[in-house]
Amino acid sequence: MGLEKGPDDFLHTENILLIDGDRHIRGIYNGLNKTAINQLLADAKTLQTEFSLEKTFPFTSVLGKLNHEIRMEEIRKRALLTQS
């Protein structure tokens, strides 16, 4: 079905992932949606602030991990809503 793919060809989607310094997914955004891109920019700024705080105050990494877990739960809920 469709054109044959060469060894250097790849498939991509409109999704953009925000990944933190611990290689955790902090968000998944639709790159074709202006609202999603604005949220990505806001979340990236938040992540940058968290990263700066972690260097200054190491205990904030615990808060960052809690925030990450909360965010991942939000992403899971959105994905379930989208599928139904």
N, C-alpha and C. Protein backbone atom coordinates (compact mmCIF):
# COMPACT_ATOMS: atom_id res chain seq x y z
N MET A 1 0.84 -1.17 0.00
CA MET A 1 0.00 0.00 0.00
C MET A 1 0.89 1.24 0.00
N GLY A 2 0.70 2.14 -0.92
CA GLY A 2 1.50 3.36 -0.97
C GLY A 2 2.86 3.12 -1.61
N LEU A 3 3.76 4.05 -1.41
CA LEU A 3 5.10 3.96 -1.98
C LEU A 3 5.99 3.08 -1.11
N GLU A 4 6.95 2.43 -1.76
CA GLU A 4 7.91 1.64 -0.99
C GLU A 4 8.85 2.57 -0.24
N LYS A 5 9.22 2.18 0.94
CA LYS A 5 10.10 2.99 1.78
C LYS A 5 11.54 2.50 1.67
N GLY A 6 12.45 3.43 1.56
CA GLY A 6 13.87 3.11 1.53
C GLY A 6 14.43 3.03 2.94
N PRO A 7 15.68 2.60 3.09
CA PRO A 7 16.28 2.46 4.42
C PRO A 7 16.43 3.78 5.16
N ASP A 8 16.46 4.91 4.44
CA ASP A 8 16.61 6.21 5.08
C ASP A 8 15.29 6.94 5.27
N ASP A 9 14.19 6.33 4.83
CA ASP A 9 12.87 6.95 4.98
C ASP A 9 12.33 6.66 6.38
N PHE A 10 11.51 7.56 6.88
CA PHE A 10 10.89 7.35 8.18
C PHE A 10 9.50 7.96 8.18
N LEU A 11 8.67 7.47 9.05
CA LEU A 11 7.34 8.02 9.22
C LEU A 11 7.35 8.98 10.39
N HIS A 12 6.51 9.98 10.34
CA HIS A 12 6.42 10.91 11.46
C HIS A 12 4.97 11.31 11.65
N THR A 13 4.69 11.85 12.81
CA THR A 13 3.36 12.34 13.12
C THR A 13 3.46 13.82 13.45
N GLU A 14 2.32 14.42 13.71
CA GLU A 14 2.30 15.83 14.09
C GLU A 14 2.60 16.02 15.58
N ASN A 15 2.79 14.92 16.31
CA ASN A 15 3.02 15.01 17.75
C ASN A 15 4.44 15.47 18.08
N ILE A 16 4.53 16.32 19.10
CA ILE A 16 5.81 16.81 19.61
C ILE A 16 5.88 16.40 21.07
N LEU A 17 7.01 15.82 21.48
CA LEU A 17 7.19 15.40 22.86
C LEU A 17 8.13 16.35 23.57
N LEU A 18 7.80 16.69 24.81
CA LEU A 18 8.68 17.46 25.68
C LEU A 18 9.29 16.48 26.66
N ILE A 19 10.61 16.37 26.64
CA ILE A 19 11.32 15.37 27.45
C ILE A 19 12.28 16.10 28.39
N ASP A 20 12.27 15.70 29.66
CA ASP A 20 13.11 16.38 30.65
C ASP A 20 14.51 15.78 30.69
N GLY A 21 15.34 16.31 31.58
CA GLY A 21 16.73 15.88 31.71
C GLY A 21 16.88 14.45 32.18
N ASP A 22 15.83 13.90 32.82
CA ASP A 22 15.85 12.50 33.25
C ASP A 22 15.27 11.57 32.18
N ARG A 23 15.03 12.13 31.01
CA ARG A 23 14.46 11.41 29.86
C ARG A 23 13.03 10.93 30.11
N HIS A 24 12.28 11.69 30.91
CA HIS A 24 10.87 11.41 31.12
C HIS A 24 10.05 12.29 30.19
N ILE A 25 9.01 11.72 29.65
CA ILE A 25 8.10 12.50 28.80
C ILE A 25 7.30 13.42 29.71
N ARG A 26 7.41 14.72 29.47
CA ARG A 26 6.68 15.69 30.28
C ARG A 26 5.41 16.17 29.60
N GLY A 27 5.30 15.90 28.31
CA GLY A 27 4.09 16.30 27.60
C GLY A 27 4.11 15.82 26.16
N ILE A 28 2.93 15.65 25.61
CA ILE A 28 2.76 15.29 24.20
C ILE A 28 1.82 16.34 23.60
N TYR A 29 2.24 16.96 22.51
CA TYR A 29 1.52 18.09 21.95
C TYR A 29 1.28 17.88 20.46
N ASN A 30 0.14 18.37 19.98
CA ASN A 30 -0.18 18.31 18.56
C ASN A 30 0.48 19.52 17.89
N GLY A 31 1.44 19.28 17.04
CA GLY A 31 2.19 20.34 16.39
C GLY A 31 1.39 21.14 15.38
N LEU A 32 0.18 20.69 15.06
CA LEU A 32 -0.67 21.41 14.12
C LEU A 32 -1.71 22.28 14.83
N ASN A 33 -1.70 22.24 16.15
CA ASN A 33 -2.71 22.94 16.94
C ASN A 33 -2.04 24.09 17.69
N LYS A 34 -2.49 25.33 17.39
CA LYS A 34 -1.86 26.51 17.98
C LYS A 34 -1.96 26.51 19.51
N THR A 35 -3.10 26.08 20.04
CA THR A 35 -3.27 26.02 21.49
C THR A 35 -2.28 25.04 22.11
N ALA A 36 -2.10 23.88 21.46
CA ALA A 36 -1.15 22.88 21.96
C ALA A 36 0.28 23.40 21.93
N ILE A 37 0.62 24.14 20.89
CA ILE A 37 1.97 24.71 20.78
C ILE A 37 2.19 25.76 21.88
N ASN A 38 1.17 26.58 22.14
CA ASN A 38 1.29 27.55 23.23
C ASN A 38 1.48 26.84 24.58
N GLN A 39 0.79 25.71 24.77
CA GLN A 39 0.95 24.94 26.00
C GLN A 39 2.36 24.35 26.07
N LEU A 40 2.87 23.86 24.94
CA LEU A 40 4.24 23.34 24.87
C LEU A 40 5.24 24.41 25.30
N LEU A 41 5.08 25.62 24.79
CA LEU A 41 6.00 26.70 25.13
C LEU A 41 5.93 27.03 26.63
N ALA A 42 4.72 27.06 27.17
CA ALA A 42 4.56 27.32 28.60
C ALA A 42 5.18 26.20 29.43
N ASP A 43 4.94 24.96 29.03
CA ASP A 43 5.49 23.82 29.76
C ASP A 43 7.01 23.77 29.66
N ALA A 44 7.55 24.13 28.50
CA ALA A 44 9.00 24.15 28.33
C ALA A 44 9.62 25.21 29.24
N LYS A 45 8.96 26.35 29.36
CA LYS A 45 9.46 27.41 30.26
C LYS A 45 9.42 26.91 31.71
N THR A 46 8.33 26.22 32.08
CA THR A 46 8.24 25.66 33.42
C THR A 46 9.35 24.64 33.66
N LEU A 47 9.58 23.78 32.68
CA LEU A 47 10.63 22.77 32.80
C LEU A 47 12.01 23.44 32.94
N GLN A 48 12.22 24.49 32.19
CA GLN A 48 13.49 25.21 32.29
C GLN A 48 13.66 25.79 33.69
N THR A 49 12.60 26.34 34.25
CA THR A 49 12.64 26.88 35.61
C THR A 49 12.93 25.77 36.62
N GLU A 50 12.25 24.64 36.47
CA GLU A 50 12.49 23.50 37.37
C GLU A 50 13.94 23.06 37.30
N PHE A 51 14.48 23.00 36.09
CA PHE A 51 15.86 22.57 35.90
C PHE A 51 16.82 23.53 36.62
N SER A 52 16.56 24.83 36.48
CA SER A 52 17.40 25.83 37.15
C SER A 52 17.31 25.70 38.66
N LEU A 53 16.09 25.46 39.17
CA LEU A 53 15.90 25.30 40.61
C LEU A 53 16.60 24.05 41.14
N GLU A 54 16.56 22.97 40.36
CA GLU A 54 17.20 21.72 40.79
C GLU A 54 18.70 21.91 40.98
N LYS A 55 19.31 22.74 40.15
CA LYS A 55 20.74 23.00 40.29
C LYS A 55 21.03 23.78 41.57
N THR A 56 20.13 24.71 41.90
CA THR A 56 20.31 25.54 43.08
C THR A 56 19.84 24.85 44.35
N PHE A 57 18.67 24.21 44.27
CA PHE A 57 18.05 23.56 45.43
C PHE A 57 17.74 22.12 45.07
N PRO A 58 18.62 21.17 45.34
CA PRO A 58 18.43 19.78 44.91
C PRO A 58 17.11 19.15 45.37
N PHE A 59 16.53 19.59 46.49
CA PHE A 59 15.27 18.99 46.95
C PHE A 59 14.13 19.22 45.97
N THR A 60 14.25 20.23 45.09
CA THR A 60 13.17 20.50 44.15
C THR A 60 13.01 19.40 43.12
N SER A 61 14.03 18.54 42.96
CA SER A 61 13.89 17.44 42.02
C SER A 61 12.77 16.50 42.45
N VAL A 62 12.56 16.38 43.76
CA VAL A 62 11.44 15.56 44.26
C VAL A 62 10.13 16.19 43.82
N LEU A 63 10.03 17.51 43.95
CA LEU A 63 8.82 18.21 43.51
C LEU A 63 8.62 18.06 42.01
N GLY A 64 9.72 18.12 41.26
CA GLY A 64 9.63 17.94 39.81
C GLY A 64 9.12 16.56 39.44
N LYS A 65 9.57 15.54 40.15
CA LYS A 65 9.11 14.18 39.88
C LYS A 65 7.62 14.03 40.21
N LEU A 66 7.17 14.65 41.31
CA LEU A 66 5.74 14.63 41.63
C LEU A 66 4.94 15.34 40.55
N ASN A 67 5.42 16.49 40.11
CA ASN A 67 4.75 17.23 39.05
C ASN A 67 4.70 16.39 37.78
N HIS A 68 5.79 15.68 37.49
CA HIS A 68 5.84 14.81 36.31
C HIS A 68 4.77 13.73 36.40
N GLU A 69 4.63 13.11 37.56
CA GLU A 69 3.63 12.05 37.73
C GLU A 69 2.22 12.60 37.54
N ILE A 70 1.97 13.77 38.07
CA ILE A 70 0.65 14.40 37.90
C ILE A 70 0.40 14.69 36.43
N ARG A 71 1.41 15.23 35.75
CA ARG A 71 1.28 15.55 34.31
C ARG A 71 1.05 14.29 33.48
N MET A 72 1.77 13.22 33.79
CA MET A 72 1.60 11.97 33.06
C MET A 72 0.19 11.41 33.24
N GLU A 73 -0.35 11.55 34.44
CA GLU A 73 -1.72 11.09 34.68
C GLU A 73 -2.70 11.90 33.83
N GLU A 74 -2.47 13.20 33.70
CA GLU A 74 -3.31 14.04 32.84
C GLU A 74 -3.23 13.57 31.39
N ILE A 75 -2.03 13.25 30.93
CA ILE A 75 -1.83 12.79 29.55
C ILE A 75 -2.55 11.46 29.34
N ARG A 76 -2.45 10.55 30.31
CA ARG A 76 -3.14 9.26 30.19
C ARG A 76 -4.65 9.45 30.11
N LYS A 77 -5.19 10.35 30.93
CA LYS A 77 -6.63 10.61 30.92
C LYS A 77 -7.07 11.19 29.58
N ARG A 78 -6.28 12.14 29.05
CA ARG A 78 -6.62 12.73 27.74
C ARG A 78 -6.59 11.67 26.65
N ALA A 79 -5.59 10.79 26.70
CA ALA A 79 -5.48 9.74 25.68
C ALA A 79 -6.68 8.81 25.74
N LEU A 80 -7.13 8.46 26.95
CA LEU A 80 -8.30 7.60 27.09
C LEU A 80 -9.55 8.30 26.56
N LEU A 81 -9.70 9.59 26.83
CA LEU A 81 -10.85 10.33 26.32
C LEU A 81 -10.84 10.41 24.81
N THR A 82 -9.65 10.57 24.23
CA THR A 82 -9.52 10.66 22.79
C THR A 82 -9.88 9.33 22.12
N GLN A 83 -9.53 8.22 22.77
CA GLN A 83 -9.78 6.91 22.20
C GLN A 83 -11.26 6.53 22.24
N SER A 84 -12.00 7.07 23.21
CA SER A 84 -13.42 6.67 23.31
C SER A 84 -14.32 7.53 22.48
